[in-house]
Amino acid sequence: MVNRWNTVLGVVVTVLLVAVLAVQLTGSPLVHAATSAVSTPQVSTREVTVTGEGMASAQPDIAQASLGVQVLGPTVAQATQENDAKMAAVIAKLKGLGVADKDIQTTGYNIFPQSNFQGGQSGEITGYQVSDTVQVTIRDLSKVSTILDQVTQAGANNVFGVTFGLESSTQLQSEAIDKAVADARTRADELAKAGGVQLGDVVSISQVITPSPMPFGEATAQAAGGAAPIQVGTVQVNAQVQISYAIK
């Protein structure tokens, strides 16, 4: 009878030891790490990434030019007085030719002393140079040559930085982006065909920022009366996009 109870007790103790060991193993970091690795497998993404480019151009609708007056005088007062009178005449001429107040903006006004140099060093002040500059927006491109010619006759002796552009380039930018997306699709199709795969949905798409519209090309706008010919040209906008397509 005693032997029978000893046998039963031994079986019970063995079962308890196995249960405790199982609990300890389950709490082990190694077991958790293995379980986690099996339950969350890494899935690789198959895709092709291409860059597309598009360009759109249009005739400019505005012109901008910097017009200046520069004079020399024996004193600051005389130099500024002469400069102001000539610039007033230039601005009056601009307005008379149809340029609005909002399209005339002062961009610089400077007074510099003039001196004679002796032995590489500045000497006595001999006078003063005064310069005044305005930036003008011209909206009637047929008047560009006439305006530039007339303001020089009115007293402007510095004319520089004549550029052409668009009042708004939004539509031109949209057209360039559409062409860039189409170009990207064509490139992706070529790559997929060469690789023997098929394209799926778009995974990602982004635009590469490009510089502001710049004038290029040639077109002549010459006013009557012997004014210098002005090359208006066209305005070009470039767009670049990067697109990733899934591979089926």
Protein backbone atom coordinates (compact mmCIF):
# COMPACT_ATOMS: atom_id res chain seq x y z
CA MET A 1 0.00 0.00 0.00
CA VAL A 2 2.82 2.33 0.91
CA ASN A 3 4.61 1.59 -2.38
CA ARG A 4 1.45 2.43 -4.29
CA TRP A 5 1.14 5.88 -2.66
CA ASN A 6 4.84 6.55 -3.32
CA THR A 7 4.34 5.79 -7.00
CA VAL A 8 1.34 8.12 -7.25
CA LEU A 9 3.23 10.91 -5.43
CA GLY A 10 6.18 10.56 -7.80
CA VAL A 11 3.94 10.91 -10.82
CA VAL A 12 2.34 14.07 -9.39
CA VAL A 13 5.73 15.66 -8.66
CA THR A 14 6.95 14.87 -12.19
CA VAL A 15 3.89 16.54 -13.74
CA LEU A 16 4.39 19.68 -11.63
CA LEU A 17 8.06 19.95 -12.64
CA VAL A 18 7.18 19.67 -16.32
CA ALA A 19 4.54 22.43 -15.95
CA VAL A 20 6.96 24.80 -14.21
CA LEU A 21 9.61 24.21 -16.87
CA ALA A 22 7.09 24.93 -19.60
CA VAL A 23 6.12 28.26 -17.98
CA GLN A 24 9.76 29.31 -17.68
CA LEU A 25 10.51 28.47 -21.29
CA THR A 26 7.45 30.37 -22.49
CA GLY A 27 8.62 33.52 -20.64
CA SER A 28 12.09 33.27 -22.13
CA PRO A 29 13.17 36.13 -24.47
CA LEU A 30 14.49 33.57 -26.93
CA VAL A 31 11.06 31.99 -27.28
CA HIS A 32 9.40 35.41 -27.68
CA ALA A 33 11.96 36.50 -30.29
CA ALA A 34 11.43 33.35 -32.30
CA THR A 35 7.66 33.68 -32.11
CA SER A 36 7.78 37.36 -33.16
CA ALA A 37 10.07 36.63 -36.12
CA VAL A 38 7.73 33.95 -37.39
CA SER A 39 4.52 36.01 -36.97
CA THR A 40 5.75 39.18 -38.78
CA PRO A 41 7.64 38.16 -41.93
CA GLN A 42 9.26 40.92 -44.03
CA VAL A 43 7.66 41.43 -47.46
CA SER A 44 9.82 43.09 -50.16
CA THR A 45 8.18 45.65 -52.48
CA ARG A 46 8.70 45.22 -56.22
CA GLU A 47 8.57 48.53 -58.05
CA VAL A 48 10.16 50.62 -60.79
CA THR A 49 11.00 54.32 -60.35
CA VAL A 50 11.39 56.76 -63.25
CA THR A 51 11.82 60.51 -63.79
CA GLY A 52 9.71 62.28 -66.40
CA GLU A 53 10.31 65.69 -67.96
CA GLY A 54 7.92 68.12 -69.63
CA MET A 55 8.27 71.54 -71.25
CA ALA A 56 5.67 74.12 -72.21
CA SER A 57 6.21 77.50 -73.85
CA ALA A 58 4.14 80.59 -74.63
CA GLN A 59 4.48 84.13 -75.86
CA PRO A 60 5.31 86.58 -73.03
CA ASP A 61 2.70 89.14 -72.06
CA ILE A 62 4.80 91.58 -69.97
CA ALA A 63 8.23 93.19 -70.18
CA GLN A 64 10.36 94.63 -67.39
CA ALA A 65 13.23 97.08 -67.66
CA SER A 66 15.44 99.06 -65.29
CA LEU A 67 15.70 102.73 -66.24
CA GLY A 68 18.09 105.11 -64.53
CA VAL A 69 19.33 108.68 -64.43
CA GLN A 70 22.92 109.44 -63.42
CA VAL A 71 24.34 112.94 -63.10
CA LEU A 72 27.47 114.68 -61.79
CA GLY A 73 27.44 117.98 -59.93
CA PRO A 74 29.88 120.15 -57.99
CA THR A 75 27.73 119.89 -54.86
CA VAL A 76 25.24 117.39 -53.46
CA ALA A 77 22.44 119.93 -53.77
CA GLN A 78 23.11 120.68 -57.43
CA ALA A 79 23.58 117.02 -58.35
CA THR A 80 20.37 115.88 -56.62
CA GLN A 81 18.40 118.78 -58.07
CA GLU A 82 19.44 117.95 -61.62
CA ASN A 83 18.90 114.23 -61.07
CA ASP A 84 15.43 114.71 -59.60
CA ALA A 85 14.38 116.96 -62.48
CA LYS A 86 15.50 114.43 -65.10
CA MET A 87 13.89 111.48 -63.30
CA ALA A 88 10.64 113.44 -62.99
CA ALA A 89 10.73 113.96 -66.76
CA VAL A 90 11.37 110.24 -67.34
CA ILE A 91 8.45 109.21 -65.10
CA ALA A 92 6.15 111.76 -66.75
CA LYS A 93 7.09 110.34 -70.15
CA LEU A 94 6.37 106.78 -68.94
CA LYS A 95 2.93 107.77 -67.70
CA GLY A 96 2.26 109.64 -70.93
CA LEU A 97 3.01 106.43 -72.84
CA GLY A 98 0.44 104.50 -70.83
CA VAL A 99 2.55 102.98 -68.03
CA ALA A 100 0.53 102.89 -64.78
CA ASP A 101 1.79 104.17 -61.42
CA LYS A 102 1.74 100.63 -59.98
CA ASP A 103 4.16 99.52 -62.72
CA ILE A 104 6.86 102.08 -61.81
CA GLN A 105 8.95 101.26 -58.73
CA THR A 106 12.10 102.93 -57.42
CA THR A 107 14.81 100.30 -56.89
CA GLY A 108 17.85 102.47 -56.15
CA TYR A 109 18.95 105.97 -55.17
CA ASN A 110 22.65 106.63 -54.52
CA ILE A 111 24.95 109.58 -53.87
CA PHE A 112 28.71 109.10 -54.26
CA PRO A 113 31.47 111.70 -53.75
CA GLN A 114 33.94 112.06 -56.60
CA SER A 115 37.60 112.80 -55.88
CA ASN A 116 40.88 113.04 -57.75
CA PHE A 117 43.50 110.39 -57.08
CA GLN A 118 47.10 111.24 -56.32
CA GLY A 119 49.68 108.54 -55.78
CA GLY A 120 47.03 105.84 -55.59
CA GLN A 121 45.13 107.62 -52.80
CA SER A 122 41.94 109.62 -52.97
CA GLY A 123 42.45 113.32 -52.72
CA GLU A 124 40.18 116.33 -52.69
CA ILE A 125 36.46 115.84 -53.41
CA THR A 126 35.71 117.33 -56.82
CA GLY A 127 31.97 116.68 -57.03
CA TYR A 128 29.13 114.27 -56.44
CA GLN A 129 27.47 111.57 -58.50
CA VAL A 130 23.75 110.94 -57.98
CA SER A 131 21.96 107.99 -59.55
CA ASP A 132 18.28 107.10 -59.46
CA THR A 133 16.81 103.83 -60.84
CA VAL A 134 13.25 102.63 -61.39
CA GLN A 135 11.96 99.25 -62.52
CA VAL A 136 9.19 99.51 -65.08
CA THR A 137 6.65 96.87 -66.10
CA ILE A 138 5.39 97.27 -69.67
CA ARG A 139 2.15 95.43 -70.44
CA ASP A 140 1.77 96.44 -74.08
CA LEU A 141 4.71 94.71 -75.74
CA SER A 142 4.18 96.62 -78.98
CA LYS A 143 5.32 99.76 -77.11
CA VAL A 144 8.57 98.39 -75.65
CA SER A 145 10.86 99.87 -78.29
CA THR A 146 9.02 103.19 -78.30
CA ILE A 147 9.08 103.51 -74.50
CA LEU A 148 12.80 102.77 -74.27
CA ASP A 149 13.53 105.27 -77.04
CA GLN A 150 11.34 108.00 -75.55
CA VAL A 151 12.67 107.72 -71.98
CA THR A 152 16.26 108.07 -73.17
CA GLN A 153 15.27 111.24 -74.96
CA ALA A 154 13.60 112.40 -71.74
CA GLY A 155 16.84 112.03 -69.78
CA ALA A 156 17.36 108.35 -68.84
CA ASN A 157 21.02 107.49 -69.49
CA ASN A 158 21.00 104.00 -67.94
CA VAL A 159 18.78 101.35 -69.53
CA PHE A 160 19.48 97.73 -68.59
CA GLY A 161 17.95 94.42 -67.54
CA VAL A 162 15.19 94.21 -70.17
CA THR A 163 13.38 90.88 -69.66
CA PHE A 164 10.14 89.28 -70.82
CA GLY A 165 7.79 87.03 -68.88
CA LEU A 166 4.23 86.08 -67.99
CA GLU A 167 1.84 87.82 -65.65
CA SER A 168 0.81 84.34 -64.47
CA SER A 169 2.57 81.07 -65.36
CA THR A 170 0.07 78.75 -63.59
CA GLN A 171 -1.48 77.36 -66.77
CA LEU A 172 1.92 76.88 -68.38
CA GLN A 173 3.20 75.02 -65.31
CA SER A 174 0.17 72.68 -65.34
CA GLU A 175 0.79 71.89 -69.00
CA ALA A 176 4.45 71.12 -68.32
CA ILE A 177 3.53 68.81 -65.39
CA ASP A 178 1.01 66.90 -67.55
CA LYS A 179 3.72 66.33 -70.15
CA ALA A 180 6.20 65.24 -67.47
CA VAL A 181 3.77 62.64 -66.08
CA ALA A 182 3.11 61.28 -69.59
CA ASP A 183 6.87 61.11 -70.21
CA ALA A 184 7.38 59.20 -66.97
CA ARG A 185 4.74 56.63 -67.95
CA THR A 186 6.41 56.12 -71.33
CA ARG A 187 9.80 55.55 -69.67
CA ALA A 188 8.28 53.13 -67.14
CA ASP A 189 6.56 51.14 -69.90
CA GLU A 190 9.87 50.83 -71.75
CA LEU A 191 11.66 49.59 -68.63
CA ALA A 192 8.89 47.14 -67.80
CA LYS A 193 8.92 45.74 -71.33
CA ALA A 194 12.70 45.36 -71.26
CA GLY A 195 12.50 43.59 -67.89
CA GLY A 196 9.67 41.29 -68.91
CA VAL A 197 7.25 42.57 -66.23
CA GLN A 198 3.96 44.44 -66.07
CA LEU A 199 3.31 47.76 -64.32
CA GLY A 200 0.78 48.08 -61.54
CA ASP A 201 -0.60 51.10 -59.69
CA VAL A 202 1.36 54.23 -58.86
CA VAL A 203 3.13 53.80 -55.52
CA SER A 204 4.43 57.35 -55.13
CA ILE A 205 4.74 60.56 -57.14
CA SER A 206 6.63 63.79 -56.45
CA GLN A 207 7.54 66.95 -58.34
CA VAL A 208 11.08 68.24 -58.68
CA ILE A 209 11.07 72.04 -58.23
CA THR A 210 12.40 73.91 -61.27
CA PRO A 211 13.54 77.55 -61.74
CA SER A 212 11.13 80.35 -62.61
CA PRO A 213 10.20 80.93 -66.26
CA MET A 214 13.03 82.36 -68.35
CA PRO A 215 12.85 84.05 -71.77
CA PHE A 216 14.41 82.41 -74.80
CA GLY A 217 14.15 82.31 -78.57
CA GLU A 218 13.66 85.15 -81.03
CA ALA A 219 10.79 87.35 -82.15
CA THR A 220 11.04 90.92 -83.36
CA ALA A 221 9.03 93.87 -82.07
CA GLN A 222 10.21 97.14 -83.61
CA ALA A 223 8.48 100.46 -83.22
CA ALA A 224 8.37 103.14 -85.88
CA GLY A 225 10.68 106.11 -85.74
CA GLY A 226 14.00 104.31 -85.74
CA ALA A 227 13.76 102.76 -82.27
CA ALA A 228 16.03 99.79 -81.65
CA PRO A 229 14.46 96.38 -82.37
CA ILE A 230 13.56 94.36 -79.27
CA GLN A 231 13.66 90.55 -79.26
CA VAL A 232 10.55 89.40 -77.37
CA GLY A 233 11.06 85.65 -77.69
CA THR A 234 9.02 83.07 -75.78
CA VAL A 235 8.78 81.98 -72.16
CA GLN A 236 9.60 78.36 -71.29
CA VAL A 237 8.59 76.39 -68.21
CA ASN A 238 10.16 73.02 -67.41
CA ALA A 239 8.67 70.42 -65.05
CA GLN A 240 10.17 67.23 -63.64
CA VAL A 241 8.35 64.47 -61.75
CA GLN A 242 9.50 61.23 -60.12
CA ILE A 243 7.01 58.35 -60.14
CA SER A 244 7.24 54.83 -58.69
CA TYR A 245 5.04 52.06 -60.14
CA ALA A 246 4.38 48.71 -58.53
CA ILE A 247 5.42 45.63 -60.52
CA LYS A 248 2.72 42.97 -60.89
